Amino acid sequence: MSPTPLQTPSANLKKAIKWLGEIMQQHPEKQRDKVIQEAELRFDLTPAECEFVNANFKEIATGHCCS
C-alpha cells in the first residue's frame, strides 16, 4: 500500500509551511488568507496540500486548535 501525499509531506509542502511560519512571524499584520494563497501558488502545492494548509493554518489563526 503506497502512502498518501499527506502521510509523507512533499518538499514543496514542507517549504510552504516553513515560509508561512516565517512570514506570519515577521508580519503578523498580514491577512492569513492572502499569505496562504500566496504560499499555495509560490510552492505549487497540490489540491490536497492546499486543503491541508487551509484547514490547519486557519484553525491556528482563530485559536480553535489550542482551546
PDB file of N, CA and C in Angstrom:
ATOM      1  N   MET A   1       0.848  -1.173   0.000  1.00  0.00           N
ATOM      2  CA  MET A   1       0.000   0.000   0.000  1.00  0.00           C
ATOM      3  C   MET A   1       0.892   1.235   0.000  1.00  0.00           C
ATOM      4  N   SER A   2       0.688   2.137  -0.942  1.00  0.00           N
ATOM      5  CA  SER A   2       1.524   3.330  -1.018  1.00  0.00           C
ATOM      6  C   SER A   2       0.950   4.438  -0.135  1.00  0.00           C
ATOM      7  N   PRO A   3       1.828   5.240   0.473  1.00  0.00           N
ATOM      8  CA  PRO A   3       1.360   6.314   1.349  1.00  0.00           C
ATOM      9  C   PRO A   3       0.708   7.444   0.543  1.00  0.00           C
ATOM     10  N   THR A   4      -0.240   8.130   1.153  1.00  0.00           N
ATOM     11  CA  THR A   4      -0.868   9.271   0.501  1.00  0.00           C
ATOM     12  C   THR A   4       0.049  10.476   0.650  1.00  0.00           C
ATOM     13  N   PRO A   5      -0.147  11.511  -0.170  1.00  0.00           N
ATOM     14  CA  PRO A   5       0.720  12.693  -0.090  1.00  0.00           C
ATOM     15  C   PRO A   5       0.728  13.342   1.301  1.00  0.00           C
ATOM     16  N   LEU A   6      -0.365  13.231   2.036  1.00  0.00           N
ATOM     17  CA  LEU A   6      -0.400  13.869   3.346  1.00  0.00           C
ATOM     18  C   LEU A   6       0.306  13.030   4.413  1.00  0.00           C
ATOM     19  N   GLN A   7       0.542  11.761   4.148  1.00  0.00           N
ATOM     20  CA  GLN A   7       1.292  10.940   5.092  1.00  0.00           C
ATOM     21  C   GLN A   7       2.785  11.209   4.965  1.00  0.00           C
ATOM     22  N   THR A   8       3.245  11.484   3.777  1.00  0.00           N
ATOM     23  CA  THR A   8       4.641  11.832   3.546  1.00  0.00           C
ATOM     24  C   THR A   8       4.664  13.192   2.857  1.00  0.00           C
ATOM     25  N   PRO A   9       4.802  14.256   3.622  1.00  0.00           N
ATOM     26  CA  PRO A   9       4.730  15.601   3.041  1.00  0.00           C
ATOM     27  C   PRO A   9       5.793  15.808   1.959  1.00  0.00           C
ATOM     28  N   SER A  10       5.391  16.470   0.899  1.00  0.00           N
ATOM     29  CA  SER A  10       6.321  16.763  -0.183  1.00  0.00           C
ATOM     30  C   SER A  10       7.284  17.858   0.266  1.00  0.00           C
ATOM     31  N   ALA A  11       8.361  17.986  -0.479  1.00  0.00           N
ATOM     32  CA  ALA A  11       9.330  19.044  -0.195  1.00  0.00           C
ATOM     33  C   ALA A  11       8.662  20.415  -0.327  1.00  0.00           C
ATOM     34  N   ASN A  12       7.768  20.550  -1.319  1.00  0.00           N
ATOM     35  CA  ASN A  12       7.078  21.832  -1.501  1.00  0.00           C
ATOM     36  C   ASN A  12       6.178  22.167  -0.317  1.00  0.00           C
ATOM     37  N   LEU A  13       5.498  21.176   0.211  1.00  0.00           N
ATOM     38  CA  LEU A  13       4.630  21.410   1.366  1.00  0.00           C
ATOM     39  C   LEU A  13       5.462  21.816   2.578  1.00  0.00           C
ATOM     40  N   LYS A  14       6.569  21.137   2.791  1.00  0.00           N
ATOM     41  CA  LYS A  14       7.453  21.489   3.911  1.00  0.00           C
ATOM     42  C   LYS A  14       7.969  22.919   3.768  1.00  0.00           C
ATOM     43  N   LYS A  15       8.377  23.289   2.554  1.00  0.00           N
ATOM     44  CA  LYS A  15       8.875  24.651   2.308  1.00  0.00           C
ATOM     45  C   LYS A  15       7.760  25.677   2.530  1.00  0.00           C
ATOM     46  N   ALA A  16       6.560  25.345   2.065  1.00  0.00           N
ATOM     47  CA  ALA A  16       5.427  26.270   2.213  1.00  0.00           C
ATOM     48  C   ALA A  16       5.091  26.503   3.681  1.00  0.00           C
ATOM     49  N   ILE A  17       5.089  25.442   4.473  1.00  0.00           N
ATOM     50  CA  ILE A  17       4.772  25.574   5.898  1.00  0.00           C
ATOM     51  C   ILE A  17       5.840  26.399   6.606  1.00  0.00           C
ATOM     52  N   LYS A  18       7.086  26.144   6.280  1.00  0.00           N
ATOM     53  CA  LYS A  18       8.176  26.923   6.875  1.00  0.00           C
ATOM     54  C   LYS A  18       8.052  28.392   6.485  1.00  0.00           C
ATOM     55  N   TRP A  19       7.792  28.651   5.210  1.00  0.00           N
ATOM     56  CA  TRP A  19       7.664  30.016   4.717  1.00  0.00           C
ATOM     57  C   TRP A  19       6.475  30.720   5.380  1.00  0.00           C
ATOM     58  N   LEU A  20       5.339  30.014   5.492  1.00  0.00           N
ATOM     59  CA  LEU A  20       4.158  30.596   6.144  1.00  0.00           C
ATOM     60  C   LEU A  20       4.480  31.020   7.576  1.00  0.00           C
ATOM     61  N   GLY A  21       5.155  30.157   8.304  1.00  0.00           N
ATOM     62  CA  GLY A  21       5.518  30.476   9.676  1.00  0.00           C
ATOM     63  C   GLY A  21       6.418  31.694   9.766  1.00  0.00           C
ATOM     64  N   GLU A  22       7.391  31.763   8.883  1.00  0.00           N
ATOM     65  CA  GLU A  22       8.317  32.893   8.885  1.00  0.00           C
ATOM     66  C   GLU A  22       7.603  34.196   8.545  1.00  0.00           C
ATOM     67  N   ILE A  23       6.771  34.169   7.518  1.00  0.00           N
ATOM     68  CA  ILE A  23       6.056  35.383   7.092  1.00  0.00           C
ATOM     69  C   ILE A  23       5.108  35.856   8.186  1.00  0.00           C
ATOM     70  N   MET A  24       4.358  34.931   8.776  1.00  0.00           N
ATOM     71  CA  MET A  24       3.399  35.339   9.802  1.00  0.00           C
ATOM     72  C   MET A  24       4.111  35.825  11.069  1.00  0.00           C
ATOM     73  N   GLN A  25       5.297  35.307  11.337  1.00  0.00           N
ATOM     74  CA  GLN A  25       6.049  35.770  12.495  1.00  0.00           C
ATOM     75  C   GLN A  25       6.631  37.162  12.234  1.00  0.00           C
ATOM     76  N   GLN A  26       7.131  37.387  11.032  1.00  0.00           N
ATOM     77  CA  GLN A  26       7.732  38.665  10.684  1.00  0.00           C
ATOM     78  C   GLN A  26       6.688  39.744  10.421  1.00  0.00           C
ATOM     79  N   HIS A  27       5.526  39.342   9.919  1.00  0.00           N
ATOM     80  CA  HIS A  27       4.476  40.287   9.530  1.00  0.00           C
ATOM     81  C   HIS A  27       3.117  39.830  10.061  1.00  0.00           C
ATOM     82  N   PRO A  28       2.905  39.885  11.376  1.00  0.00           N
ATOM     83  CA  PRO A  28       1.635  39.404  11.942  1.00  0.00           C
ATOM     84  C   PRO A  28       0.417  40.208  11.476  1.00  0.00           C
ATOM     85  N   GLU A  29       0.659  41.383  10.935  1.00  0.00           N
ATOM     86  CA  GLU A  29      -0.451  42.218  10.473  1.00  0.00           C
ATOM     87  C   GLU A  29      -1.028  41.744   9.141  1.00  0.00           C
ATOM     88  N   LYS A  30      -0.302  40.899   8.425  1.00  0.00           N
ATOM     89  CA  LYS A  30      -0.778  40.416   7.123  1.00  0.00           C
ATOM     90  C   LYS A  30      -1.986  39.502   7.297  1.00  0.00           C
ATOM     91  N   GLN A  31      -2.879  39.558   6.327  1.00  0.00           N
ATOM     92  CA  GLN A  31      -4.054  38.697   6.350  1.00  0.00           C
ATOM     93  C   GLN A  31      -3.625  37.267   6.057  1.00  0.00           C
ATOM     94  N   ARG A  32      -3.941  36.381   6.956  1.00  0.00           N
ATOM     95  CA  ARG A  32      -3.508  34.989   6.847  1.00  0.00           C
ATOM     96  C   ARG A  32      -4.019  34.334   5.558  1.00  0.00           C
ATOM     97  N   ASP A  33      -5.263  34.618   5.165  1.00  0.00           N
ATOM     98  CA  ASP A  33      -5.815  34.021   3.943  1.00  0.00           C
ATOM     99  C   ASP A  33      -4.973  34.368   2.719  1.00  0.00           C
ATOM    100  N   LYS A  34      -4.545  35.621   2.644  1.00  0.00           N
ATOM    101  CA  LYS A  34      -3.751  36.065   1.491  1.00  0.00           C
ATOM    102  C   LYS A  34      -2.359  35.432   1.506  1.00  0.00           C
ATOM    103  N   VAL A  35      -1.776  35.296   2.679  1.00  0.00           N
ATOM    104  CA  VAL A  35      -0.461  34.667   2.792  1.00  0.00           C
ATOM    105  C   VAL A  35      -0.558  33.187   2.414  1.00  0.00           C
ATOM    106  N   ILE A  36      -1.616  32.528   2.838  1.00  0.00           N
ATOM    107  CA  ILE A  36      -1.822  31.118   2.489  1.00  0.00           C
ATOM    108  C   ILE A  36      -1.977  30.967   0.975  1.00  0.00           C
ATOM    109  N   GLN A  37      -2.767  31.835   0.355  1.00  0.00           N
ATOM    110  CA  GLN A  37      -2.941  31.768  -1.097  1.00  0.00           C
ATOM    111  C   GLN A  37      -1.615  31.973  -1.817  1.00  0.00           C
ATOM    112  N   GLU A  38      -0.818  32.916  -1.338  1.00  0.00           N
ATOM    113  CA  GLU A  38       0.480  33.161  -1.962  1.00  0.00           C
ATOM    114  C   GLU A  38       1.384  31.927  -1.835  1.00  0.00           C
ATOM    115  N   ALA A  39       1.370  31.289  -0.678  1.00  0.00           N
ATOM    116  CA  ALA A  39       2.182  30.088  -0.468  1.00  0.00           C
ATOM    117  C   ALA A  39       1.748  28.964  -1.398  1.00  0.00           C
ATOM    118  N   GLU A  40       0.439  28.814  -1.574  1.00  0.00           N
ATOM    119  CA  GLU A  40      -0.066  27.753  -2.447  1.00  0.00           C
ATOM    120  C   GLU A  40       0.437  27.922  -3.873  1.00  0.00           C
ATOM    121  N   LEU A  41       0.488  29.159  -4.344  1.00  0.00           N
ATOM    122  CA  LEU A  41       0.975  29.427  -5.691  1.00  0.00           C
ATOM    123  C   LEU A  41       2.494  29.375  -5.763  1.00  0.00           C
ATOM    124  N   ARG A  42       3.141  29.999  -4.808  1.00  0.00           N
ATOM    125  CA  ARG A  42       4.598  30.080  -4.790  1.00  0.00           C
ATOM    126  C   ARG A  42       5.257  28.704  -4.759  1.00  0.00           C
ATOM    127  N   PHE A  43       4.678  27.781  -3.988  1.00  0.00           N
ATOM    128  CA  PHE A  43       5.272  26.461  -3.813  1.00  0.00           C
ATOM    129  C   PHE A  43       4.564  25.376  -4.620  1.00  0.00           C
ATOM    130  N   ASP A  44       3.646  25.784  -5.505  1.00  0.00           N
ATOM    131  CA  ASP A  44       2.970  24.868  -6.424  1.00  0.00           C
ATOM    132  C   ASP A  44       2.393  23.653  -5.698  1.00  0.00           C
ATOM    133  N   LEU A  45       1.580  23.936  -4.676  1.00  0.00           N
ATOM    134  CA  LEU A  45       1.002  22.861  -3.880  1.00  0.00           C
ATOM    135  C   LEU A  45      -0.127  22.160  -4.637  1.00  0.00           C
ATOM    136  N   THR A  46      -0.287  20.882  -4.357  1.00  0.00           N
ATOM    137  CA  THR A  46      -1.376  20.112  -4.956  1.00  0.00           C
ATOM    138  C   THR A  46      -2.697  20.516  -4.288  1.00  0.00           C
ATOM    139  N   PRO A  47      -3.831  20.155  -4.877  1.00  0.00           N
ATOM    140  CA  PRO A  47      -5.115  20.460  -4.225  1.00  0.00           C
ATOM    141  C   PRO A  47      -5.211  19.869  -2.808  1.00  0.00           C
ATOM    142  N   ALA A  48      -4.725  18.648  -2.616  1.00  0.00           N
ATOM    143  CA  ALA A  48      -4.767  18.033  -1.281  1.00  0.00           C
ATOM    144  C   ALA A  48      -3.880  18.796  -0.299  1.00  0.00           C
ATOM    145  N   GLU A  49      -2.726  19.242  -0.756  1.00  0.00           N
ATOM    146  CA  GLU A  49      -1.835  20.019   0.109  1.00  0.00           C
ATOM    147  C   GLU A  49      -2.448  21.373   0.451  1.00  0.00           C
ATOM    148  N   CYS A  50      -3.099  21.991  -0.527  1.00  0.00           N
ATOM    149  CA  CYS A  50      -3.783  23.269  -0.281  1.00  0.00           C
ATOM    150  C   CYS A  50      -4.871  23.096   0.774  1.00  0.00           C
ATOM    151  N   GLU A  51      -5.619  22.016   0.654  1.00  0.00           N
ATOM    152  CA  GLU A  51      -6.685  21.730   1.623  1.00  0.00           C
ATOM    153  C   GLU A  51      -6.094  21.556   3.025  1.00  0.00           C
ATOM    154  N   PHE A  52      -4.995  20.829   3.117  1.00  0.00           N
ATOM    155  CA  PHE A  52      -4.323  20.616   4.399  1.00  0.00           C
ATOM    156  C   PHE A  52      -3.864  21.939   5.006  1.00  0.00           C
ATOM    157  N   VAL A  53      -3.206  22.778   4.203  1.00  0.00           N
ATOM    158  CA  VAL A  53      -2.705  24.070   4.696  1.00  0.00           C
ATOM    159  C   VAL A  53      -3.865  24.955   5.131  1.00  0.00           C
ATOM    160  N   ASN A  54      -4.904  25.041   4.315  1.00  0.00           N
ATOM    161  CA  ASN A  54      -6.060  25.867   4.663  1.00  0.00           C
ATOM    162  C   ASN A  54      -6.706  25.405   5.963  1.00  0.00           C
ATOM    163  N   ALA A  55      -6.904  24.127   6.101  1.00  0.00           N
ATOM    164  CA  ALA A  55      -7.558  23.598   7.296  1.00  0.00           C
ATOM    165  C   ALA A  55      -6.719  23.836   8.554  1.00  0.00           C
ATOM    166  N   ASN A  56      -5.437  23.614   8.467  1.00  0.00           N
ATOM    167  CA  ASN A  56      -4.596  23.691   9.656  1.00  0.00           C
ATOM    168  C   ASN A  56      -4.148  25.104  10.006  1.00  0.00           C
ATOM    169  N   PHE A  57      -3.823  25.914   9.042  1.00  0.00           N
ATOM    170  CA  PHE A  57      -3.359  27.259   9.348  1.00  0.00           C
ATOM    171  C   PHE A  57      -4.495  28.197   9.691  1.00  0.00           C
ATOM    172  N   LYS A  58      -5.671  27.981   9.152  1.00  0.00           N
ATOM    173  CA  LYS A  58      -6.808  28.827   9.520  1.00  0.00           C
ATOM    174  C   LYS A  58      -7.261  28.521  10.941  1.00  0.00           C
ATOM    175  N   GLU A  59      -7.178  27.262  11.366  1.00  0.00           N
ATOM    176  CA  GLU A  59      -7.530  26.910  12.746  1.00  0.00           C
ATOM    177  C   GLU A  59      -6.600  27.594  13.727  1.00  0.00           C
ATOM    178  N   ILE A  60      -5.319  27.631  13.403  1.00  0.00           N
ATOM    179  CA  ILE A  60      -4.345  28.286  14.279  1.00  0.00           C
ATOM    180  C   ILE A  60      -4.658  29.766  14.387  1.00  0.00           C
ATOM    181  N   ALA A  61      -5.064  30.373  13.277  1.00  0.00           N
ATOM    182  CA  ALA A  61      -5.349  31.808  13.273  1.00  0.00           C
ATOM    183  C   ALA A  61      -6.516  32.152  14.194  1.00  0.00           C
ATOM    184  N   THR A  62      -7.503  31.279  14.259  1.00  0.00           N
ATOM    185  CA  THR A  62      -8.672  31.571  15.075  1.00  0.00           C
ATOM    186  C   THR A  62      -8.547  31.005  16.477  1.00  0.00           C
ATOM    187  N   GLY A  63      -7.488  30.223  16.717  1.00  0.00           N
ATOM    188  CA  GLY A  63      -7.255  29.667  18.048  1.00  0.00           C
ATOM    189  C   GLY A  63      -8.047  28.421  18.335  1.00  0.00           C
ATOM    190  N   HIS A  64      -8.723  27.838  17.353  1.00  0.00           N
ATOM    191  CA  HIS A  64      -9.545  26.657  17.588  1.00  0.00           C
ATOM    192  C   HIS A  64      -8.733  25.425  17.953  1.00  0.00           C
ATOM    193  N   CYS A  65      -7.510  25.342  17.453  1.00  0.00           N
ATOM    194  CA  CYS A  65      -6.738  24.131  17.701  1.00  0.00           C
ATOM    195  C   CYS A  65      -6.183  24.083  19.119  1.00  0.00           C
ATOM    196  N   CYS A  66      -6.101  25.208  19.765  1.00  0.00           N
ATOM    197  CA  CYS A  66      -5.438  25.250  21.079  1.00  0.00           C
ATOM    198  C   CYS A  66      -6.401  25.423  22.240  1.00  0.00           C
ATOM    199  N   SER A  67      -7.666  25.619  21.975  1.00  0.00           N
ATOM    200  CA  SER A  67      -8.602  25.856  23.086  1.00  0.00           C
ATOM    201  C   SER A  67      -9.481  24.674  23.359  1.00  0.00           C
TER     202      SER A  67
END
